[in-house]
Amino acid sequence: MRHSSRCCPRIQDRTGIKFVHATDREAIGEWDHGDYTHQVYRAAWGPMNDRYWFGKAETAKRRAVVMAKYEPVGILDGGRRFAPGFATAS
């Protein structure tokens, strides 16, 4: 089967099950306990293992730690941008 951006709509059409949204397109750190995404996942899959689901506050805290390590080496915006600064040969 060839993968394409049309794959998910075809699956939805064939099964009659509509996907809620694409979580891979959510902004990092926007999810939180009790919000719409949380409610939908719980309704679909039951209780979630909190070990793997961090809310906004914990995500912001962990992200700040990672960014503090990445930014000095030129990795910016969570890896979406970089600033080359490596030594070059003359």
PDB file of N, CA and C in Angstrom:
ATOM      1  N   MET A   1       0.838  -1.176   0.000  1.00  0.00           N
ATOM      2  CA  MET A   1       0.000   0.000   0.000  1.00  0.00           C
ATOM      3  C   MET A   1       0.882   1.238   0.000  1.00  0.00           C
ATOM      4  N   ARG A   2       0.612   2.147  -0.839  1.00  0.00           N
ATOM      5  CA  ARG A   2       1.364   3.392  -0.928  1.00  0.00           C
ATOM      6  C   ARG A   2       0.864   4.369   0.127  1.00  0.00           C
ATOM      7  N   HIS A   3       1.806   4.952   0.883  1.00  0.00           N
ATOM      8  CA  HIS A   3       1.429   5.921   1.910  1.00  0.00           C
ATOM      9  C   HIS A   3       1.256   7.288   1.263  1.00  0.00           C
ATOM     10  N   SER A   4       0.240   7.965   1.653  1.00  0.00           N
ATOM     11  CA  SER A   4       0.017   9.315   1.147  1.00  0.00           C
ATOM     12  C   SER A   4      -0.825  10.094   2.134  1.00  0.00           C
ATOM     13  N   SER A   5      -0.966  11.371   1.872  1.00  0.00           N
ATOM     14  CA  SER A   5      -1.776  12.208   2.755  1.00  0.00           C
ATOM     15  C   SER A   5      -3.255  11.853   2.649  1.00  0.00           C
ATOM     16  N   ARG A   6      -3.601  11.045   1.663  1.00  0.00           N
ATOM     17  CA  ARG A   6      -5.002  10.654   1.484  1.00  0.00           C
ATOM     18  C   ARG A   6      -5.331   9.356   2.200  1.00  0.00           C
ATOM     19  N   CYS A   7      -4.351   8.763   2.862  1.00  0.00           N
ATOM     20  CA  CYS A   7      -4.539   7.475   3.509  1.00  0.00           C
ATOM     21  C   CYS A   7      -5.574   7.538   4.639  1.00  0.00           C
ATOM     22  N   CYS A   8      -5.429   8.482   5.549  1.00  0.00           N
ATOM     23  CA  CYS A   8      -6.345   8.557   6.693  1.00  0.00           C
ATOM     24  C   CYS A   8      -7.789   8.810   6.288  1.00  0.00           C
ATOM     25  N   PRO A   9      -8.039   9.756   5.394  1.00  0.00           N
ATOM     26  CA  PRO A   9      -9.445   9.928   4.984  1.00  0.00           C
ATOM     27  C   PRO A   9     -10.040   8.658   4.366  1.00  0.00           C
ATOM     28  N   ARG A  10      -9.236   7.913   3.617  1.00  0.00           N
ATOM     29  CA  ARG A  10      -9.749   6.670   3.023  1.00  0.00           C
ATOM     30  C   ARG A  10     -10.088   5.654   4.105  1.00  0.00           C
ATOM     31  N   ILE A  11      -9.239   5.550   5.114  1.00  0.00           N
ATOM     32  CA  ILE A  11      -9.515   4.624   6.222  1.00  0.00           C
ATOM     33  C   ILE A  11     -10.801   5.049   6.925  1.00  0.00           C
ATOM     34  N   GLN A  12     -10.957   6.343   7.161  1.00  0.00           N
ATOM     35  CA  GLN A  12     -12.164   6.836   7.820  1.00  0.00           C
ATOM     36  C   GLN A  12     -13.407   6.514   6.992  1.00  0.00           C
ATOM     37  N   ASP A  13     -13.308   6.720   5.689  1.00  0.00           N
ATOM     38  CA  ASP A  13     -14.444   6.435   4.816  1.00  0.00           C
ATOM     39  C   ASP A  13     -14.799   4.955   4.824  1.00  0.00           C
ATOM     40  N   ARG A  14     -13.792   4.096   4.750  1.00  0.00           N
ATOM     41  CA  ARG A  14     -14.040   2.646   4.708  1.00  0.00           C
ATOM     42  C   ARG A  14     -14.598   2.113   6.011  1.00  0.00           C
ATOM     43  N   THR A  15     -14.100   2.616   7.144  1.00  0.00           N
ATOM     44  CA  THR A  15     -14.518   2.075   8.439  1.00  0.00           C
ATOM     45  C   THR A  15     -15.723   2.784   9.029  1.00  0.00           C
ATOM     46  N   GLY A  16     -15.975   4.024   8.574  1.00  0.00           N
ATOM     47  CA  GLY A  16     -17.056   4.802   9.165  1.00  0.00           C
ATOM     48  C   GLY A  16     -16.653   5.425  10.492  1.00  0.00           C
ATOM     49  N   ILE A  17     -15.370   5.318  10.847  1.00  0.00           N
ATOM     50  CA  ILE A  17     -14.861   5.895  12.091  1.00  0.00           C
ATOM     51  C   ILE A  17     -14.123   7.178  11.752  1.00  0.00           C
ATOM     52  N   LYS A  18     -14.532   8.257  12.343  1.00  0.00           N
ATOM     53  CA  LYS A  18     -13.887   9.542  12.091  1.00  0.00           C
ATOM     54  C   LYS A  18     -12.830   9.792  13.158  1.00  0.00           C
ATOM     55  N   PHE A  19     -11.621  10.120  12.723  1.00  0.00           N
ATOM     56  CA  PHE A  19     -10.550  10.442  13.653  1.00  0.00           C
ATOM     57  C   PHE A  19     -10.805  11.831  14.219  1.00  0.00           C
ATOM     58  N   VAL A  20     -10.424  12.016  15.458  1.00  0.00           N
ATOM     59  CA  VAL A  20     -10.708  13.274  16.131  1.00  0.00           C
ATOM     60  C   VAL A  20      -9.846  14.395  15.565  1.00  0.00           C
ATOM     61  N   HIS A  21      -8.555  14.203  15.546  1.00  0.00           N
ATOM     62  CA  HIS A  21      -7.629  15.181  14.983  1.00  0.00           C
ATOM     63  C   HIS A  21      -6.260  14.536  14.919  1.00  0.00           C
ATOM     64  N   ALA A  22      -5.326  15.217  14.322  1.00  0.00           N
ATOM     65  CA  ALA A  22      -3.967  14.682  14.182  1.00  0.00           C
ATOM     66  C   ALA A  22      -3.105  15.223  15.313  1.00  0.00           C
ATOM     67  N   THR A  23      -2.822  14.393  16.305  1.00  0.00           N
ATOM     68  CA  THR A  23      -2.044  14.855  17.449  1.00  0.00           C
ATOM     69  C   THR A  23      -0.621  15.220  17.063  1.00  0.00           C
ATOM     70  N   ASP A  24      -0.125  14.686  15.950  1.00  0.00           N
ATOM     71  CA  ASP A  24       1.230  15.040  15.531  1.00  0.00           C
ATOM     72  C   ASP A  24       1.316  16.479  15.047  1.00  0.00           C
ATOM     73  N   ARG A  25       0.177  17.127  14.875  1.00  0.00           N
ATOM     74  CA  ARG A  25       0.175  18.522  14.440  1.00  0.00           C
ATOM     75  C   ARG A  25      -0.092  19.487  15.597  1.00  0.00           C
ATOM     76  N   GLU A  26      -0.259  18.955  16.782  1.00  0.00           N
ATOM     77  CA  GLU A  26      -0.468  19.813  17.939  1.00  0.00           C
ATOM     78  C   GLU A  26       0.838  20.496  18.305  1.00  0.00           C
ATOM     79  N   ALA A  27       0.715  21.679  18.851  1.00  0.00           N
ATOM     80  CA  ALA A  27       1.907  22.368  19.344  1.00  0.00           C
ATOM     81  C   ALA A  27       2.412  21.632  20.584  1.00  0.00           C
ATOM     82  N   ILE A  28       3.707  21.500  20.696  1.00  0.00           N
ATOM     83  CA  ILE A  28       4.293  20.815  21.844  1.00  0.00           C
ATOM     84  C   ILE A  28       3.963  21.595  23.105  1.00  0.00           C
ATOM     85  N   GLY A  29       3.468  20.891  24.091  1.00  0.00           N
ATOM     86  CA  GLY A  29       3.170  21.512  25.370  1.00  0.00           C
ATOM     87  C   GLY A  29       1.780  22.074  25.512  1.00  0.00           C
ATOM     88  N   GLU A  30       0.939  21.921  24.519  1.00  0.00           N
ATOM     89  CA  GLU A  30      -0.416  22.468  24.593  1.00  0.00           C
ATOM     90  C   GLU A  30      -1.409  21.505  25.235  1.00  0.00           C
ATOM     91  N   TRP A  31      -1.088  20.239  25.295  1.00  0.00           N
ATOM     92  CA  TRP A  31      -1.976  19.250  25.886  1.00  0.00           C
ATOM     93  C   TRP A  31      -1.994  19.425  27.398  1.00  0.00           C
ATOM     94  N   ASP A  32      -3.119  19.168  28.030  1.00  0.00           N
ATOM     95  CA  ASP A  32      -3.169  19.201  29.492  1.00  0.00           C
ATOM     96  C   ASP A  32      -4.242  18.243  29.988  1.00  0.00           C
ATOM     97  N   HIS A  33      -4.087  17.830  31.218  1.00  0.00           N
ATOM     98  CA  HIS A  33      -5.037  16.904  31.834  1.00  0.00           C
ATOM     99  C   HIS A  33      -6.435  17.527  31.876  1.00  0.00           C
ATOM    100  N   GLY A  34      -7.418  16.753  31.452  1.00  0.00           N
ATOM    101  CA  GLY A  34      -8.799  17.201  31.482  1.00  0.00           C
ATOM    102  C   GLY A  34      -9.260  17.944  30.240  1.00  0.00           C
ATOM    103  N   ASP A  35      -8.339  18.258  29.314  1.00  0.00           N
ATOM    104  CA  ASP A  35      -8.763  18.990  28.117  1.00  0.00           C
ATOM    105  C   ASP A  35      -9.411  18.035  27.113  1.00  0.00           C
ATOM    106  N   TYR A  36      -9.753  18.566  25.956  1.00  0.00           N
ATOM    107  CA  TYR A  36     -10.464  17.783  24.939  1.00  0.00           C
ATOM    108  C   TYR A  36      -9.687  16.533  24.516  1.00  0.00           C
ATOM    109  N   THR A  37      -8.386  16.695  24.248  1.00  0.00           N
ATOM    110  CA  THR A  37      -7.578  15.549  23.828  1.00  0.00           C
ATOM    111  C   THR A  37      -7.585  14.470  24.900  1.00  0.00           C
ATOM    112  N   HIS A  38      -7.422  14.859  26.135  1.00  0.00           N
ATOM    113  CA  HIS A  38      -7.430  13.911  27.252  1.00  0.00           C
ATOM    114  C   HIS A  38      -8.768  13.185  27.338  1.00  0.00           C
ATOM    115  N   GLN A  39      -9.847  13.912  27.226  1.00  0.00           N
ATOM    116  CA  GLN A  39     -11.174  13.308  27.302  1.00  0.00           C
ATOM    117  C   GLN A  39     -11.399  12.295  26.181  1.00  0.00           C
ATOM    118  N   VAL A  40     -10.956  12.650  24.971  1.00  0.00           N
ATOM    119  CA  VAL A  40     -11.151  11.764  23.820  1.00  0.00           C
ATOM    120  C   VAL A  40     -10.326  10.485  23.969  1.00  0.00           C
ATOM    121  N   TYR A  41      -9.071  10.624  24.361  1.00  0.00           N
ATOM    122  CA  TYR A  41      -8.235   9.444  24.557  1.00  0.00           C
ATOM    123  C   TYR A  41      -8.802   8.535  25.631  1.00  0.00           C
ATOM    124  N   ARG A  42      -9.258   9.109  26.735  1.00  0.00           N
ATOM    125  CA  ARG A  42      -9.834   8.287  27.802  1.00  0.00           C
ATOM    126  C   ARG A  42     -11.093   7.586  27.333  1.00  0.00           C
ATOM    127  N   ALA A  43     -11.927   8.274  26.570  1.00  0.00           N
ATOM    128  CA  ALA A  43     -13.156   7.670  26.069  1.00  0.00           C
ATOM    129  C   ALA A  43     -12.847   6.523  25.115  1.00  0.00           C
ATOM    130  N   ALA A  44     -11.790   6.700  24.307  1.00  0.00           N
ATOM    131  CA  ALA A  44     -11.440   5.674  23.322  1.00  0.00           C
ATOM    132  C   ALA A  44     -10.669   4.511  23.931  1.00  0.00           C
ATOM    133  N   TRP A  45      -9.750   4.801  24.835  1.00  0.00           N
ATOM    134  CA  TRP A  45      -8.811   3.775  25.297  1.00  0.00           C
ATOM    135  C   TRP A  45      -8.884   3.469  26.776  1.00  0.00           C
ATOM    136  N   GLY A  46      -9.689   4.217  27.527  1.00  0.00           N
ATOM    137  CA  GLY A  46      -9.752   4.003  28.970  1.00  0.00           C
ATOM    138  C   GLY A  46      -8.689   4.825  29.680  1.00  0.00           C
ATOM    139  N   PRO A  47      -8.441   4.509  30.941  1.00  0.00           N
ATOM    140  CA  PRO A  47      -7.470   5.287  31.710  1.00  0.00           C
ATOM    141  C   PRO A  47      -6.088   5.276  31.047  1.00  0.00           C
ATOM    142  N   MET A  48      -5.422   6.416  31.123  1.00  0.00           N
ATOM    143  CA  MET A  48      -4.097   6.534  30.523  1.00  0.00           C
ATOM    144  C   MET A  48      -3.035   6.385  31.608  1.00  0.00           C
ATOM    145  N   ASN A  49      -1.882   5.874  31.232  1.00  0.00           N
ATOM    146  CA  ASN A  49      -0.771   5.744  32.147  1.00  0.00           C
ATOM    147  C   ASN A  49      -0.127   7.126  32.300  1.00  0.00           C
ATOM    148  N   ASP A  50      -0.294   7.732  33.460  1.00  0.00           N
ATOM    149  CA  ASP A  50       0.206   9.089  33.687  1.00  0.00           C
ATOM    150  C   ASP A  50       1.717   9.199  33.535  1.00  0.00           C
ATOM    151  N   ARG A  51       2.401   8.086  33.574  1.00  0.00           N
ATOM    152  CA  ARG A  51       3.856   8.106  33.388  1.00  0.00           C
ATOM    153  C   ARG A  51       4.225   8.678  32.022  1.00  0.00           C
ATOM    154  N   TYR A  52       3.365   8.509  31.036  1.00  0.00           N
ATOM    155  CA  TYR A  52       3.660   8.933  29.669  1.00  0.00           C
ATOM    156  C   TYR A  52       2.918  10.188  29.236  1.00  0.00           C
ATOM    157  N   TRP A  53       2.082  10.729  30.087  1.00  0.00           N
ATOM    158  CA  TRP A  53       1.268  11.881  29.717  1.00  0.00           C
ATOM    159  C   TRP A  53       1.552  13.028  30.669  1.00  0.00           C
ATOM    160  N   PHE A  54       2.377  13.972  30.234  1.00  0.00           N
ATOM    161  CA  PHE A  54       2.703  15.133  31.046  1.00  0.00           C
ATOM    162  C   PHE A  54       1.771  16.271  30.674  1.00  0.00           C
ATOM    163  N   GLY A  55       1.335  17.005  31.673  1.00  0.00           N
ATOM    164  CA  GLY A  55       0.518  18.184  31.427  1.00  0.00           C
ATOM    165  C   GLY A  55       1.378  19.372  31.031  1.00  0.00           C
ATOM    166  N   LYS A  56       0.731  20.527  30.864  1.00  0.00           N
ATOM    167  CA  LYS A  56       1.421  21.733  30.403  1.00  0.00           C
ATOM    168  C   LYS A  56       2.567  22.151  31.312  1.00  0.00           C
ATOM    169  N   ALA A  57       2.344  22.151  32.609  1.00  0.00           N
ATOM    170  CA  ALA A  57       3.366  22.634  33.543  1.00  0.00           C
ATOM    171  C   ALA A  57       4.612  21.757  33.504  1.00  0.00           C
ATOM    172  N   GLU A  58       4.433  20.457  33.558  1.00  0.00           N
ATOM    173  CA  GLU A  58       5.586  19.545  33.540  1.00  0.00           C
ATOM    174  C   GLU A  58       6.295  19.587  32.190  1.00  0.00           C
ATOM    175  N   THR A  59       5.531  19.706  31.111  1.00  0.00           N
ATOM    176  CA  THR A  59       6.139  19.800  29.778  1.00  0.00           C
ATOM    177  C   THR A  59       6.997  21.060  29.680  1.00  0.00           C
ATOM    178  N   ALA A  60       6.488  22.185  30.164  1.00  0.00           N
ATOM    179  CA  ALA A  60       7.249  23.440  30.111  1.00  0.00           C
ATOM    180  C   ALA A  60       8.540  23.315  30.908  1.00  0.00           C
ATOM    181  N   LYS A  61       8.469  22.684  32.066  1.00  0.00           N
ATOM    182  CA  LYS A  61       9.648  22.504  32.916  1.00  0.00           C
ATOM    183  C   LYS A  61      10.700  21.645  32.219  1.00  0.00           C
ATOM    184  N   ARG A  62      10.287  20.519  31.678  1.00  0.00           N
ATOM    185  CA  ARG A  62      11.229  19.608  31.010  1.00  0.00           C
ATOM    186  C   ARG A  62      11.778  20.210  29.724  1.00  0.00           C
ATOM    187  N   ARG A  63      10.933  20.918  29.016  1.00  0.00           N
ATOM    188  CA  ARG A  63      11.369  21.548  27.768  1.00  0.00           C
ATOM    189  C   ARG A  63      12.422  22.623  28.024  1.00  0.00           C
ATOM    190  N   ALA A  64      12.253  23.377  29.091  1.00  0.00           N
ATOM    191  CA  ALA A  64      13.226  24.414  29.439  1.00  0.00           C
ATOM    192  C   ALA A  64      14.597  23.795  29.723  1.00  0.00           C
ATOM    193  N   VAL A  65      14.616  22.664  30.390  1.00  0.00           N
ATOM    194  CA  VAL A  65      15.884  21.979  30.689  1.00  0.00           C
ATOM    195  C   VAL A  65      16.566  21.553  29.394  1.00  0.00           C
ATOM    196  N   VAL A  66      15.800  20.968  28.484  1.00  0.00           N
ATOM    197  CA  VAL A  66      16.361  20.502  27.214  1.00  0.00           C
ATOM    198  C   VAL A  66      16.844  21.683  26.368  1.00  0.00           C
ATOM    199  N   MET A  67      16.042  22.726  26.273  1.00  0.00           N
ATOM    200  CA  MET A  67      16.425  23.887  25.468  1.00  0.00           C
ATOM    201  C   MET A  67      17.693  24.544  26.005  1.00  0.00           C
ATOM    202  N   ALA A  68      17.853  24.564  27.321  1.00  0.00           N
ATOM    203  CA  ALA A  68      19.063  25.151  27.914  1.00  0.00           C
ATOM    204  C   ALA A  68      20.316  24.387  27.489  1.00  0.00           C
ATOM    205  N   LYS A  69      20.172  23.116  27.224  1.00  0.00           N
ATOM    206  CA  LYS A  69      21.312  22.314  26.764  1.00  0.00           C
ATOM    207  C   LYS A  69      21.516  22.426  25.254  1.00  0.00           C
ATOM    208  N   TYR A  70      20.448  22.537  24.506  1.00  0.00           N
ATOM    209  CA  TYR A  70      20.532  22.574  23.043  1.00  0.00           C
ATOM    210  C   TYR A  70      20.948  23.934  22.482  1.00  0.00           C
ATOM    211  N   GLU A  71      20.409  25.015  23.041  1.00  0.00           N
ATOM    212  CA  GLU A  71      20.651  26.336  22.463  1.00  0.00           C
ATOM    213  C   GLU A  71      22.126  26.727  22.386  1.00  0.00           C
ATOM    214  N   PRO A  72      22.958  26.423  23.387  1.00  0.00           N
ATOM    215  CA  PRO A  72      24.375  26.786  23.275  1.00  0.00           C
ATOM    216  C   PRO A  72      25.104  26.120  22.102  1.00  0.00           C
ATOM    217  N   VAL A  73      24.587  25.002  21.630  1.00  0.00           N
ATOM    218  CA  VAL A  73      25.227  24.339  20.488  1.00  0.00           C
ATOM    219  C   VAL A  73      24.516  24.668  19.178  1.00  0.00           C
ATOM    220  N   GLY A  74      23.577  25.624  19.224  1.00  0.00           N
ATOM    221  CA  GLY A  74      22.947  26.102  18.000  1.00  0.00           C
ATOM    222  C   GLY A  74      21.675  25.395  17.578  1.00  0.00           C
ATOM    223  N   ILE A  75      21.105  24.563  18.437  1.00  0.00           N
ATOM    224  CA  ILE A  75      19.826  23.907  18.124  1.00  0.00           C
ATOM    225  C   ILE A  75      18.728  24.745  18.779  1.00  0.00           C
ATOM    226  N   LEU A  76      17.886  25.345  17.954  1.00  0.00           N
ATOM    227  CA  LEU A  76      16.902  26.313  18.434  1.00  0.00           C
ATOM    228  C   LEU A  76      15.474  25.876  18.125  1.00  0.00           C
ATOM    229  N   ASP A  77      14.534  26.489  18.813  1.00  0.00           N
ATOM    230  CA  ASP A  77      13.097  26.240  18.583  1.00  0.00           C
ATOM    231  C   ASP A  77      12.755  24.755  18.627  1.00  0.00           C
ATOM    232  N   GLY A  78      13.289  24.064  19.590  1.00  0.00           N
ATOM    233  CA  GLY A  78      12.972  22.640  19.732  1.00  0.00           C
ATOM    234  C   GLY A  78      13.449  21.786  18.581  1.00  0.00           C
ATOM    235  N   GLY A  79      14.519  22.208  17.927  1.00  0.00           N
ATOM    236  CA  GLY A  79      15.063  21.447  16.813  1.00  0.00           C
ATOM    237  C   GLY A  79      14.516  21.863  15.461  1.00  0.00           C
ATOM    238  N   ARG A  80      13.660  22.854  15.435  1.00  0.00           N
ATOM    239  CA  ARG A  80      13.077  23.311  14.164  1.00  0.00           C
ATOM    240  C   ARG A  80      13.997  24.267  13.412  1.00  0.00           C
ATOM    241  N   ARG A  81      15.027  24.779  14.113  1.00  0.00           N
ATOM    242  CA  ARG A  81      15.945  25.727  13.511  1.00  0.00           C
ATOM    243  C   ARG A  81      17.319  25.503  14.110  1.00  0.00           C
ATOM    244  N   PHE A  82      18.348  25.764  13.348  1.00  0.00           N
ATOM    245  CA  PHE A  82      19.679  25.665  13.910  1.00  0.00           C
ATOM    246  C   PHE A  82      20.540  26.807  13.400  1.00  0.00           C
ATOM    247  N   ALA A  83      21.539  27.134  14.184  1.00  0.00           N
ATOM    248  CA  ALA A  83      22.461  28.200  13.842  1.00  0.00           C
ATOM    249  C   ALA A  83      23.847  27.571  13.695  1.00  0.00           C
ATOM    250  N   PRO A  84      24.308  27.424  12.479  1.00  0.00           N
ATOM    251  CA  PRO A  84      25.624  26.796  12.301  1.00  0.00           C
ATOM    252  C   PRO A  84      26.707  27.637  12.966  1.00  0.00           C
ATOM    253  N   GLY A  85      27.562  26.977  13.688  1.00  0.00           N
ATOM    254  CA  GLY A  85      28.619  27.684  14.370  1.00  0.00           C
ATOM    255  C   GLY A  85      29.846  26.814  14.533  1.00  0.00           C
ATOM    256  N   PHE A  86      29.905  25.769  13.761  1.00  0.00           N
ATOM    257  CA  PHE A  86      31.041  24.869  13.848  1.00  0.00           C
ATOM    258  C   PHE A  86      32.255  25.482  13.163  1.00  0.00           C
ATOM    259  N   ALA A  87      33.411  25.149  13.657  1.00  0.00           N
ATOM    260  CA  ALA A  87      34.644  25.640  13.039  1.00  0.00           C
ATOM    261  C   ALA A  87      34.746  25.079  11.620  1.00  0.00           C
ATOM    262  N   THR A  88      35.227  25.915  10.723  1.00  0.00           N
ATOM    263  CA  THR A  88      35.388  25.466   9.326  1.00  0.00           C
ATOM    264  C   THR A  88      36.868  25.454   8.974  1.00  0.00           C
ATOM    265  N   ALA A  89      37.221  24.571   8.073  1.00  0.00           N
ATOM    266  CA  ALA A  89      38.614  24.490   7.625  1.00  0.00           C
ATOM    267  C   ALA A  89      38.915  25.641   6.682  1.00  0.00           C
ATOM    268  N   SER A  90      40.094  26.185   6.773  1.00  0.00           N
ATOM    269  CA  SER A  90      40.472  27.299   5.883  1.00  0.00           C
ATOM    270  C   SER A  90      41.133  26.766   4.645  1.00  0.00           C
TER     271      SER A  90
END
